[in-house]
PDB file of N, CA and C in Angstrom:
ATOM      1  N   UNK A   1       3.363  10.691 -17.449  1.00  0.00           N
ATOM      2  CA  UNK A   1       2.827  11.464 -16.353  1.00  0.00           C
ATOM      3  C   UNK A   1       3.537  10.308 -14.962  1.00  0.00           C
ATOM      4  N   UNK A   2       3.871  11.734 -14.380  1.00  0.00           N
ATOM      5  CA  UNK A   2       4.861  10.782 -13.141  1.00  0.00           C
ATOM      6  C   UNK A   2       3.407  10.368 -11.834  1.00  0.00           C
ATOM      7  N   UNK A   3       4.075   9.157 -11.362  1.00  0.00           N
ATOM      8  CA  UNK A   3       2.975   8.478  -9.940  1.00  0.00           C
ATOM      9  C   UNK A   3       3.763   8.351  -8.696  1.00  0.00           C
ATOM     10  N   UNK A   4       2.564   9.092  -7.867  1.00  0.00           N
ATOM     11  CA  UNK A   4       3.495   8.792  -6.560  1.00  0.00           C
ATOM     12  C   UNK A   4       2.282   7.995  -6.002  1.00  0.00           C
ATOM     13  N   UNK A   5       2.865   7.440  -5.138  1.00  0.00           N
ATOM     14  CA  UNK A   5       2.001   6.065  -4.354  1.00  0.00           C
ATOM     15  C   UNK A   5       2.085   6.180  -2.795  1.00  0.00           C
ATOM     16  N   UNK A   6       0.920   6.091  -2.555  1.00  0.00           N
ATOM     17  CA  UNK A   6       0.243   6.172  -0.825  1.00  0.00           C
ATOM     18  C   UNK A   6       0.279   5.157  -0.133  1.00  0.00           C
ATOM     19  N   UNK A   7       0.505   5.205   0.810  1.00  0.00           N
ATOM     20  CA  UNK A   7      -0.036   3.921   1.827  1.00  0.00           C
ATOM     21  C   UNK A   7      -1.759   4.352   1.805  1.00  0.00           C
ATOM     22  N   UNK A   8      -2.549   2.773   1.955  1.00  0.00           N
ATOM     23  CA  UNK A   8      -4.065   3.168   1.864  1.00  0.00           C
ATOM     24  C   UNK A   8      -4.489   4.158   3.163  1.00  0.00           C
ATOM     25  N   UNK A   9      -4.026   4.068   4.006  1.00  0.00           N
ATOM     26  CA  UNK A   9      -4.567   4.765   5.374  1.00  0.00           C
ATOM     27  C   UNK A   9      -4.486   6.545   4.908  1.00  0.00           C
ATOM     28  N   UNK A  10      -3.566   6.749   4.208  1.00  0.00           N
ATOM     29  CA  UNK A  10      -3.315   8.357   3.605  1.00  0.00           C
ATOM     30  C   UNK A  10      -4.403   8.843   2.478  1.00  0.00           C
ATOM     31  N   UNK A  11      -5.133   7.784   1.811  1.00  0.00           N
ATOM     32  CA  UNK A  11      -5.613   8.340   0.934  1.00  0.00           C
ATOM     33  C   UNK A  11      -7.203   8.944   1.405  1.00  0.00           C
ATOM     34  N   UNK A  12      -7.410   8.782   2.503  1.00  0.00           N
ATOM     35  CA  UNK A  12      -8.799   9.566   2.786  1.00  0.00           C
ATOM     36  C   UNK A  12      -8.218  10.662   2.895  1.00  0.00           C
ATOM     37  N   UNK A  13      -7.453  11.073   3.668  1.00  0.00           N
ATOM     38  CA  UNK A  13      -6.830  12.466   4.231  1.00  0.00           C
ATOM     39  C   UNK A  13      -6.259  13.314   2.591  1.00  0.00           C
ATOM     40  N   UNK A  14      -5.950  12.760   2.044  1.00  0.00           N
ATOM     41  CA  UNK A  14      -5.821  13.445   0.689  1.00  0.00           C
ATOM     42  C   UNK A  14      -6.617  13.524   0.141  1.00  0.00           C
ATOM     43  N   UNK A  15      -8.139  12.840   0.086  1.00  0.00           N
ATOM     44  CA  UNK A  15      -9.249  13.206  -1.046  1.00  0.00           C
ATOM     45  C   UNK A  15     -10.064  14.243  -0.122  1.00  0.00           C
ATOM     46  N   UNK A  16      -9.817  14.227   1.162  1.00  0.00           N
ATOM     47  CA  UNK A  16     -10.822  15.385   1.648  1.00  0.00           C
ATOM     48  C   UNK A  16      -9.985  16.551   2.127  1.00  0.00           C
ATOM     49  N   UNK A  17      -8.556  16.486   1.599  1.00  0.00           N
ATOM     50  CA  UNK A  17      -7.925  17.830   1.374  1.00  0.00           C
ATOM     51  C   UNK A  17      -7.271  18.431   2.932  1.00  0.00           C
ATOM     52  N   UNK A  18      -7.664  16.937   3.639  1.00  0.00           N
ATOM     53  CA  UNK A  18      -6.657  17.517   4.938  1.00  0.00           C
ATOM     54  C   UNK A  18      -4.926  17.252   4.470  1.00  0.00           C
ATOM     55  N   UNK A  19      -4.605  16.410   3.707  1.00  0.00           N
ATOM     56  CA  UNK A  19      -3.087  16.243   3.565  1.00  0.00           C
ATOM     57  C   UNK A  19      -3.146  16.495   2.142  1.00  0.00           C
ATOM     58  N   UNK A  20      -2.226  17.658   2.100  1.00  0.00           N
ATOM     59  CA  UNK A  20      -1.641  18.140   0.674  1.00  0.00           C
ATOM     60  C   UNK A  20      -0.314  18.012   0.159  1.00  0.00           C
ATOM     61  N   UNK A  21       0.482  17.713   1.320  1.00  0.00           N
ATOM     62  CA  UNK A  21       1.993  17.630   1.388  1.00  0.00           C
ATOM     63  C   UNK A  21       2.443  16.232   1.679  1.00  0.00           C
ATOM     64  N   UNK A  22       3.644  16.147   0.473  1.00  0.00           N
ATOM     65  CA  UNK A  22       4.262  14.780   0.857  1.00  0.00           C
ATOM     66  C   UNK A  22       5.628  15.064   1.051  1.00  0.00           C
ATOM     67  N   UNK A  23       6.425  13.947   1.604  1.00  0.00           N
ATOM     68  CA  UNK A  23       7.750  14.260   1.946  1.00  0.00           C
ATOM     69  C   UNK A  23       8.291  12.815   0.816  1.00  0.00           C
ATOM     70  N   UNK A  24       9.259  12.932   0.132  1.00  0.00           N
ATOM     71  CA  UNK A  24      10.023  11.884  -0.285  1.00  0.00           C
ATOM     72  C   UNK A  24      11.275  11.456  -0.161  1.00  0.00           C
ATOM     73  N   UNK A  25      12.130  10.550  -0.264  1.00  0.00           N
ATOM     74  CA  UNK A  25      13.573  10.385  -0.067  1.00  0.00           C
ATOM     75  C   UNK A  25      14.074  10.115  -1.567  1.00  0.00           C
ATOM     76  N   UNK A  26      14.869  10.382  -2.058  1.00  0.00           N
ATOM     77  CA  UNK A  26      15.938   9.840  -3.429  1.00  0.00           C
ATOM     78  C   UNK A  26      14.885   9.806  -4.231  1.00  0.00           C
ATOM     79  N   UNK A  27      14.251  10.831  -4.942  1.00  0.00           N
ATOM     80  CA  UNK A  27      13.572  11.202  -5.763  1.00  0.00           C
ATOM     81  C   UNK A  27      13.909  10.998  -7.039  1.00  0.00           C
ATOM     82  N   UNK A  28      13.840   9.829  -7.312  1.00  0.00           N
ATOM     83  CA  UNK A  28      14.069   9.454  -8.939  1.00  0.00           C
ATOM     84  C   UNK A  28      13.343  10.054  -9.712  1.00  0.00           C
ATOM     85  N   UNK A  29      11.931  10.385  -9.756  1.00  0.00           N
ATOM     86  CA  UNK A  29      11.396  11.183 -10.806  1.00  0.00           C
ATOM     87  C   UNK A  29      11.472  12.766 -10.842  1.00  0.00           C
ATOM     88  N   UNK A  30      12.599  13.350 -10.168  1.00  0.00           N
ATOM     89  CA  UNK A  30      12.756  14.577 -10.582  1.00  0.00           C
ATOM     90  C   UNK A  30      11.417  15.719 -10.480  1.00  0.00           C
ATOM     91  N   UNK A  31      10.935  15.117  -9.344  1.00  0.00           N
ATOM     92  CA  UNK A  31       9.618  15.913  -9.283  1.00  0.00           C
ATOM     93  C   UNK A  31       9.987  17.363  -9.266  1.00  0.00           C
ATOM     94  N   UNK A  32       8.712  18.200  -9.375  1.00  0.00           N
ATOM     95  CA  UNK A  32       9.386  19.632  -9.797  1.00  0.00           C
ATOM     96  C   UNK A  32       7.955  20.439  -9.617  1.00  0.00           C
ATOM     97  N   UNK A  33       7.782  21.940  -9.548  1.00  0.00           N
ATOM     98  CA  UNK A  33       6.772  22.317  -9.657  1.00  0.00           C
ATOM     99  C   UNK A  33       6.008  22.038 -10.956  1.00  0.00           C
ATOM    100  N   UNK A  34       4.844  22.259 -10.782  1.00  0.00           N
ATOM    101  CA  UNK A  34       3.972  22.378 -12.073  1.00  0.00           C
ATOM    102  C   UNK A  34       3.495  20.969 -12.664  1.00  0.00           C
ATOM    103  N   UNK A  35       4.467  20.083 -12.113  1.00  0.00           N
ATOM    104  CA  UNK A  35       4.255  18.729 -12.790  1.00  0.00           C
ATOM    105  C   UNK A  35       2.394  17.989 -12.594  1.00  0.00           C
ATOM    106  N   UNK A  36       1.972  17.244 -13.119  1.00  0.00           N
ATOM    107  CA  UNK A  36       0.576  16.644 -13.036  1.00  0.00           C
ATOM    108  C   UNK A  36       1.454  15.141 -12.661  1.00  0.00           C
ATOM    109  N   UNK A  37       0.470  14.783 -11.601  1.00  0.00           N
ATOM    110  CA  UNK A  37       0.859  13.521 -10.947  1.00  0.00           C
ATOM    111  C   UNK A  37      -0.329  12.855 -11.105  1.00  0.00           C
ATOM    112  N   UNK A  38      -0.399  11.028 -10.834  1.00  0.00           N
ATOM    113  CA  UNK A  38      -1.143  10.441 -10.803  1.00  0.00           C
ATOM    114  C   UNK A  38      -0.626   9.608  -9.372  1.00  0.00           C
ATOM    115  N   UNK A  39      -1.971   9.662  -8.468  1.00  0.00           N
ATOM    116  CA  UNK A  39      -2.131   9.367  -7.319  1.00  0.00           C
ATOM    117  C   UNK A  39      -2.309   7.818  -7.212  1.00  0.00           C
ATOM    118  N   UNK A  40      -1.588   7.033  -6.232  1.00  0.00           N
ATOM    119  CA  UNK A  40      -2.218   5.664  -6.397  1.00  0.00           C
ATOM    120  C   UNK A  40      -2.047   4.953  -4.767  1.00  0.00           C
ATOM    121  N   UNK A  41      -2.810   4.020  -4.776  1.00  0.00           N
ATOM    122  CA  UNK A  41      -2.386   3.440  -3.319  1.00  0.00           C
ATOM    123  C   UNK A  41      -1.174   2.117  -4.246  1.00  0.00           C
ATOM    124  N   UNK A  42      -1.294   0.734  -3.918  1.00  0.00           N
ATOM    125  CA  UNK A  42      -0.297   0.107  -4.488  1.00  0.00           C
ATOM    126  C   UNK A  42      -0.465  -0.725  -5.786  1.00  0.00           C
ATOM    127  N   UNK A  43      -2.361  -0.425  -5.908  1.00  0.00           N
ATOM    128  CA  UNK A  43      -3.183  -0.935  -6.760  1.00  0.00           C
ATOM    129  C   UNK A  43      -3.526   0.127  -7.741  1.00  0.00           C
ATOM    130  N   UNK A  44      -4.293   0.874  -7.266  1.00  0.00           N
ATOM    131  CA  UNK A  44      -4.839   1.740  -8.342  1.00  0.00           C
ATOM    132  C   UNK A  44      -4.840   3.395  -8.090  1.00  0.00           C
ATOM    133  N   UNK A  45      -5.089   3.916  -9.369  1.00  0.00           N
ATOM    134  CA  UNK A  45      -5.094   5.797  -9.429  1.00  0.00           C
ATOM    135  C   UNK A  45      -6.333   6.130  -8.282  1.00  0.00           C
ATOM    136  N   UNK A  46      -6.254   6.953  -7.562  1.00  0.00           N
ATOM    137  CA  UNK A  46      -7.241   7.374  -6.864  1.00  0.00           C
ATOM    138  C   UNK A  46      -7.672   8.738  -6.904  1.00  0.00           C
ATOM    139  N   UNK A  47      -6.364   9.197  -7.647  1.00  0.00           N
ATOM    140  CA  UNK A  47      -6.897  11.017  -8.217  1.00  0.00           C
ATOM    141  C   UNK A  47      -5.596  11.287  -8.979  1.00  0.00           C
ATOM    142  N   UNK A  48      -5.649  12.799  -9.217  1.00  0.00           N
ATOM    143  CA  UNK A  48      -4.684  13.600  -9.892  1.00  0.00           C
ATOM    144  C   UNK A  48      -4.116  14.602  -9.141  1.00  0.00           C
ATOM    145  N   UNK A  49      -3.041  15.261  -9.075  1.00  0.00           N
ATOM    146  CA  UNK A  49      -2.722  16.526  -8.716  1.00  0.00           C
ATOM    147  C   UNK A  49      -1.658  17.189  -9.417  1.00  0.00           C
ATOM    148  N   UNK A  50      -1.412  18.377  -8.823  1.00  0.00           N
ATOM    149  CA  UNK A  50      -0.752  19.372  -9.529  1.00  0.00           C
ATOM    150  C   UNK A  50       0.765  19.633  -8.445  1.00  0.00           C
ATOM    151  N   UNK A  51       1.667  19.721  -8.462  1.00  0.00           N
ATOM    152  CA  UNK A  51       2.685  20.017  -7.835  1.00  0.00           C
ATOM    153  C   UNK A  51       2.923  21.715  -7.461  1.00  0.00           C
ATOM    154  N   UNK A  52       2.490  22.041  -6.741  1.00  0.00           N
ATOM    155  CA  UNK A  52       2.598  23.685  -6.199  1.00  0.00           C
ATOM    156  C   UNK A  52       3.871  24.479  -6.276  1.00  0.00           C
ATOM    157  N   UNK A  53       4.279  23.190  -5.071  1.00  0.00           N
ATOM    158  CA  UNK A  53       6.176  24.159  -4.762  1.00  0.00           C
ATOM    159  C   UNK A  53       6.909  22.819  -4.489  1.00  0.00           C
ATOM    160  N   UNK A  54       7.955  23.026  -4.480  1.00  0.00           N
ATOM    161  CA  UNK A  54       9.052  21.736  -4.042  1.00  0.00           C
ATOM    162  C   UNK A  54      10.254  22.115  -2.912  1.00  0.00           C
ATOM    163  N   UNK A  55      10.618  21.815  -2.064  1.00  0.00           N
ATOM    164  CA  UNK A  55      11.612  22.083  -1.681  1.00  0.00           C
ATOM    165  C   UNK A  55      12.955  21.061  -0.776  1.00  0.00           C
ATOM    166  N   UNK A  56      13.551  21.302  -1.225  1.00  0.00           N
ATOM    167  CA  UNK A  56      14.772  20.194  -0.465  1.00  0.00           C
ATOM    168  C   UNK A  56      15.092  20.418   0.690  1.00  0.00           C
ATOM    169  N   UNK A  57      15.482  19.264   1.861  1.00  0.00           N
ATOM    170  CA  UNK A  57      15.693  20.032   3.170  1.00  0.00           C
ATOM    171  C   UNK A  57      16.426  18.640   4.138  1.00  0.00           C
ATOM    172  N   UNK A  58      16.261  18.654   5.102  1.00  0.00           N
ATOM    173  CA  UNK A  58      16.763  17.040   5.582  1.00  0.00           C
ATOM    174  C   UNK A  58      15.573  17.328   7.062  1.00  0.00           C
ATOM    175  N   UNK A  59      15.485  16.386   7.577  1.00  0.00           N
ATOM    176  CA  UNK A  59      14.247  16.068   8.486  1.00  0.00           C
ATOM    177  C   UNK A  59      14.574  16.709   9.852  1.00  0.00           C
ATOM    178  N   UNK A  60      15.829  16.988  10.146  1.00  0.00           N
ATOM    179  CA  UNK A  60      16.224  18.090  11.270  1.00  0.00           C
ATOM    180  C   UNK A  60      15.481  19.515  10.862  1.00  0.00           C
ATOM    181  N   UNK A  61      15.769  19.744   9.843  1.00  0.00           N
ATOM    182  CA  UNK A  61      15.437  21.245   9.417  1.00  0.00           C
ATOM    183  C   UNK A  61      13.751  21.119   8.375  1.00  0.00           C
ATOM    184  N   UNK A  62      12.945  20.611   9.049  1.00  0.00           N
ATOM    185  CA  UNK A  62      11.538  20.357   8.850  1.00  0.00           C
ATOM    186  C   UNK A  62      10.927  21.770   9.636  1.00  0.00           C
ATOM    187  N   UNK A  63       9.945  22.267   8.853  1.00  0.00           N
ATOM    188  CA  UNK A  63       9.806  23.829   9.299  1.00  0.00           C
ATOM    189  C   UNK A  63       8.170  23.454   9.726  1.00  0.00           C
ATOM    190  N   UNK A  64       7.354  24.354  10.451  1.00  0.00           N
ATOM    191  CA  UNK A  64       6.028  23.856  10.534  1.00  0.00           C
ATOM    192  C   UNK A  64       5.467  24.040   9.364  1.00  0.00           C
ATOM    193  N   UNK A  65       5.897  24.888   8.411  1.00  0.00           N
ATOM    194  CA  UNK A  65       4.937  24.500   7.470  1.00  0.00           C
ATOM    195  C   UNK A  65       5.272  23.616   6.550  1.00  0.00           C
ATOM    196  N   UNK A  66       6.420  23.134   6.524  1.00  0.00           N
ATOM    197  CA  UNK A  66       6.722  21.843   5.794  1.00  0.00           C
ATOM    198  C   UNK A  66       5.733  20.455   6.535  1.00  0.00           C
ATOM    199  N   UNK A  67       5.629  20.553   8.090  1.00  0.00           N
ATOM    200  CA  UNK A  67       4.795  19.665   8.593  1.00  0.00           C
ATOM    201  C   UNK A  67       3.017  19.672   8.579  1.00  0.00           C
ATOM    202  N   UNK A  68       3.233  21.058   8.203  1.00  0.00           N
ATOM    203  CA  UNK A  68       1.343  21.391   7.649  1.00  0.00           C
ATOM    204  C   UNK A  68       1.037  20.693   6.728  1.00  0.00           C
ATOM    205  N   UNK A  69      -0.395  20.095   7.051  1.00  0.00           N
ATOM    206  CA  UNK A  69      -1.339  19.479   5.942  1.00  0.00           C
ATOM    207  C   UNK A  69      -0.094  18.293   5.504  1.00  0.00           C
ATOM    208  N   UNK A  70       0.604  17.618   6.324  1.00  0.00           N
ATOM    209  CA  UNK A  70       1.180  16.134   6.275  1.00  0.00           C
ATOM    210  C   UNK A  70       0.177  15.638   7.503  1.00  0.00           C
ATOM    211  N   UNK A  71       0.669  13.890   7.411  1.00  0.00           N
ATOM    212  CA  UNK A  71       0.430  13.369   8.754  1.00  0.00           C
ATOM    213  C   UNK A  71       0.948  13.524   9.541  1.00  0.00           C
ATOM    214  N   UNK A  72       0.723  13.685  10.970  1.00  0.00           N
ATOM    215  CA  UNK A  72       1.315  14.055  12.353  1.00  0.00           C
ATOM    216  C   UNK A  72       2.286  12.322  12.767  1.00  0.00           C
ATOM    217  N   UNK A  73       3.261  12.752  13.445  1.00  0.00           N
ATOM    218  CA  UNK A  73       4.072  11.943  14.019  1.00  0.00           C
ATOM    219  C   UNK A  73       3.759  12.157  15.585  1.00  0.00           C
ATOM    220  N   UNK A  74       3.810  11.912  16.483  1.00  0.00           N
ATOM    221  CA  UNK A  74       3.959  11.827  18.100  1.00  0.00           C
ATOM    222  C   UNK A  74       5.131  11.967  18.681  1.00  0.00           C
ATOM    223  N   UNK A  75       6.464  11.748  17.700  1.00  0.00           N
ATOM    224  CA  UNK A  75       7.605  11.903  17.860  1.00  0.00           C
ATOM    225  C   UNK A  75       8.691  12.195  16.746  1.00  0.00           C
ATOM    226  N   UNK A  76       9.891  12.508  16.910  1.00  0.00           N
ATOM    227  CA  UNK A  76      10.589  12.416  15.826  1.00  0.00           C
ATOM    228  C   UNK A  76      11.092  10.510  15.711  1.00  0.00           C
ATOM    229  N   UNK A  77      11.408  10.155  16.598  1.00  0.00           N
ATOM    230  CA  UNK A  77      11.487   8.995  16.620  1.00  0.00           C
ATOM    231  C   UNK A  77      10.446   7.887  15.788  1.00  0.00           C
ATOM    232  N   UNK A  78       9.106   8.275  16.139  1.00  0.00           N
ATOM    233  CA  UNK A  78       8.139   7.628  15.502  1.00  0.00           C
ATOM    234  C   UNK A  78       8.336   7.911  14.241  1.00  0.00           C
ATOM    235  N   UNK A  79       8.730   8.911  13.204  1.00  0.00           N
ATOM    236  CA  UNK A  79       8.821   9.729  12.084  1.00  0.00           C
ATOM    237  C   UNK A  79       9.743   8.910  11.290  1.00  0.00           C
ATOM    238  N   UNK A  80      10.909   8.850  12.247  1.00  0.00           N
ATOM    239  CA  UNK A  80      12.004   8.247  11.428  1.00  0.00           C
ATOM    240  C   UNK A  80      11.921   6.833  10.938  1.00  0.00           C
ATOM    241  N   UNK A  81      11.351   6.068  12.026  1.00  0.00           N
ATOM    242  CA  UNK A  81      10.672   4.350  12.262  1.00  0.00           C
ATOM    243  C   UNK A  81       9.859   4.325  11.091  1.00  0.00           C
ATOM    244  N   UNK A  82       8.524   4.967  10.676  1.00  0.00           N
ATOM    245  CA  UNK A  82       7.809   5.087   9.483  1.00  0.00           C
ATOM    246  C   UNK A  82       8.402   5.142   8.528  1.00  0.00           C
ATOM    247  N   UNK A  83       9.302   6.161   8.259  1.00  0.00           N
ATOM    248  CA  UNK A  83      10.051   6.260   7.137  1.00  0.00           C
ATOM    249  C   UNK A  83      11.101   5.231   6.715  1.00  0.00           C
ATOM    250  N   UNK A  84      11.764   4.947   8.069  1.00  0.00           N
ATOM    251  CA  UNK A  84      12.968   3.673   7.255  1.00  0.00           C
ATOM    252  C   UNK A  84      12.112   2.464   6.970  1.00  0.00           C
ATOM    253  N   UNK A  85      10.629   2.388   7.367  1.00  0.00           N
ATOM    254  CA  UNK A  85       9.624   1.210   7.110  1.00  0.00           C
ATOM    255  C   UNK A  85       9.421   1.546   5.967  1.00  0.00           C
ATOM    256  N   UNK A  86       8.938   2.655   5.093  1.00  0.00           N
ATOM    257  CA  UNK A  86       8.608   2.838   3.984  1.00  0.00           C
ATOM    258  C   UNK A  86       9.825   2.836   2.869  1.00  0.00           C
ATOM    259  N   UNK A  87      10.843   3.275   3.417  1.00  0.00           N
ATOM    260  CA  UNK A  87      11.652   3.252   2.203  1.00  0.00           C
ATOM    261  C   UNK A  87      12.945   1.918   2.625  1.00  0.00           C
ATOM    262  N   UNK A  88      12.589   1.370   3.477  1.00  0.00           N
ATOM    263  CA  UNK A  88      13.249   0.159   3.950  1.00  0.00           C
ATOM    264  C   UNK A  88      14.977   0.260   4.189  1.00  0.00           C
ATOM    265  N   UNK A  89      15.269   1.379   4.458  1.00  0.00           N
ATOM    266  CA  UNK A  89      16.482   2.095   4.480  1.00  0.00           C
ATOM    267  C   UNK A  89      16.515   2.753   6.419  1.00  0.00           C
ATOM    268  N   UNK A  90      17.457   3.170   6.882  1.00  0.00           N
ATOM    269  CA  UNK A  90      17.906   3.841   8.187  1.00  0.00           C
ATOM    270  C   UNK A  90      17.831   5.402   7.998  1.00  0.00           C
ATOM    271  N   UNK A  91      16.732   5.940   8.823  1.00  0.00           N
ATOM    272  CA  UNK A  91      16.229   7.206   8.236  1.00  0.00           C
ATOM    273  C   UNK A  91      16.611   7.955   9.359  1.00  0.00           C
ATOM    274  N   UNK A  92      17.284   9.248   9.650  1.00  0.00           N
ATOM    275  CA  UNK A  92      17.514  10.018  11.177  1.00  0.00           C
ATOM    276  C   UNK A  92      17.419  11.664  10.518  1.00  0.00           C
ATOM    277  N   UNK A  93      18.075  12.009  11.334  1.00  0.00           N
ATOM    278  CA  UNK A  93      17.477  13.427  11.339  1.00  0.00           C
ATOM    279  C   UNK A  93      18.431  14.185  10.316  1.00  0.00           C
ATOM    280  N   UNK A  94      19.575  13.543   9.715  1.00  0.00           N
ATOM    281  CA  UNK A  94      20.029  14.336   8.911  1.00  0.00           C
ATOM    282  C   UNK A  94      19.966  13.641   6.936  1.00  0.00           C
ATOM    283  N   UNK A  95      18.995  12.902   7.427  1.00  0.00           N
ATOM    284  CA  UNK A  95      18.560  12.445   5.843  1.00  0.00           C
ATOM    285  C   UNK A  95      17.856  13.244   5.331  1.00  0.00           C
ATOM    286  N   UNK A  96      18.274  13.139   3.811  1.00  0.00           N
ATOM    287  CA  UNK A  96      17.794  14.610   2.573  1.00  0.00           C
ATOM    288  C   UNK A  96      16.190  13.986   2.370  1.00  0.00           C
ATOM    289  N   UNK A  97      15.501  14.970   2.055  1.00  0.00           N
ATOM    290  CA  UNK A  97      14.183  14.499   1.534  1.00  0.00           C
ATOM    291  C   UNK A  97      13.481  15.787   0.635  1.00  0.00           C
ATOM    292  N   UNK A  98      12.806  15.696   0.120  1.00  0.00           N
ATOM    293  CA  UNK A  98      11.908  16.616  -0.645  1.00  0.00           C
ATOM    294  C   UNK A  98      10.307  16.450   0.146  1.00  0.00           C
ATOM    295  N   UNK A  99      10.040  18.140   0.457  1.00  0.00           N
ATOM    296  CA  UNK A  99       8.700  18.307   0.540  1.00  0.00           C
ATOM    297  C   UNK A  99       8.414  18.935  -0.501  1.00  0.00           C
ATOM    298  N   UNK A 100       7.043  17.962  -0.863  1.00  0.00           N
ATOM    299  CA  UNK A 100       6.099  18.452  -2.101  1.00  0.00           C
ATOM    300  C   UNK A 100       4.431  19.185  -1.625  1.00  0.00           C
ATOM    301  N   UNK A 101       4.182  19.833  -2.094  1.00  0.00           N
ATOM    302  CA  UNK A 101       3.213  20.678  -1.597  1.00  0.00           C
ATOM    303  C   UNK A 101       2.428  20.303  -3.116  1.00  0.00           C
ATOM    304  N   UNK A 102       1.048  19.838  -3.034  1.00  0.00           N
ATOM    305  CA  UNK A 102       0.196  19.341  -4.200  1.00  0.00           C
ATOM    306  C   UNK A 102      -1.217  19.963  -4.133  1.00  0.00           C
ATOM    307  N   UNK A 103      -1.727  20.278  -4.914  1.00  0.00           N
ATOM    308  CA  UNK A 103      -3.294  20.322  -4.990  1.00  0.00           C
ATOM    309  C   UNK A 103      -4.390  19.135  -6.136  1.00  0.00           C
ATOM    310  N   UNK A 104      -5.139  18.656  -5.508  1.00  0.00           N
ATOM    311  CA  UNK A 104      -5.738  17.928  -6.235  1.00  0.00           C
ATOM    312  C   UNK A 104      -6.542  18.661  -7.872  1.00  0.00           C
ATOM    313  N   UNK A 105      -6.468  17.536  -8.658  1.00  0.00           N
ATOM    314  CA  UNK A 105      -7.415  18.463  -9.739  1.00  0.00           C
ATOM    315  C   UNK A 105      -8.371  17.466 -10.810  1.00  0.00           C
TER     316      UNK A 105
END
């Protein structure tokens, strides 16, 4: 089973179904539709989910649909800063990512 890790501040958003979309850079798991996922923080699993759809794009081409059901950012600069911190690389508008929509099971 493929595992996706989330920051602890996002767990409640996922469990109450306010967040059902995640963005991933450098997908080394080859995430695809119908994959079953183990969702965890850095210590333990908190739920399982199934991938409903996957889209490859760049930050500059994220649509409103891509941003719906994802945590919000006050600006693009804040978004780049947070993702740069998550991935320990410089993130900018042209950085490629996968948008992943999932449902809890």
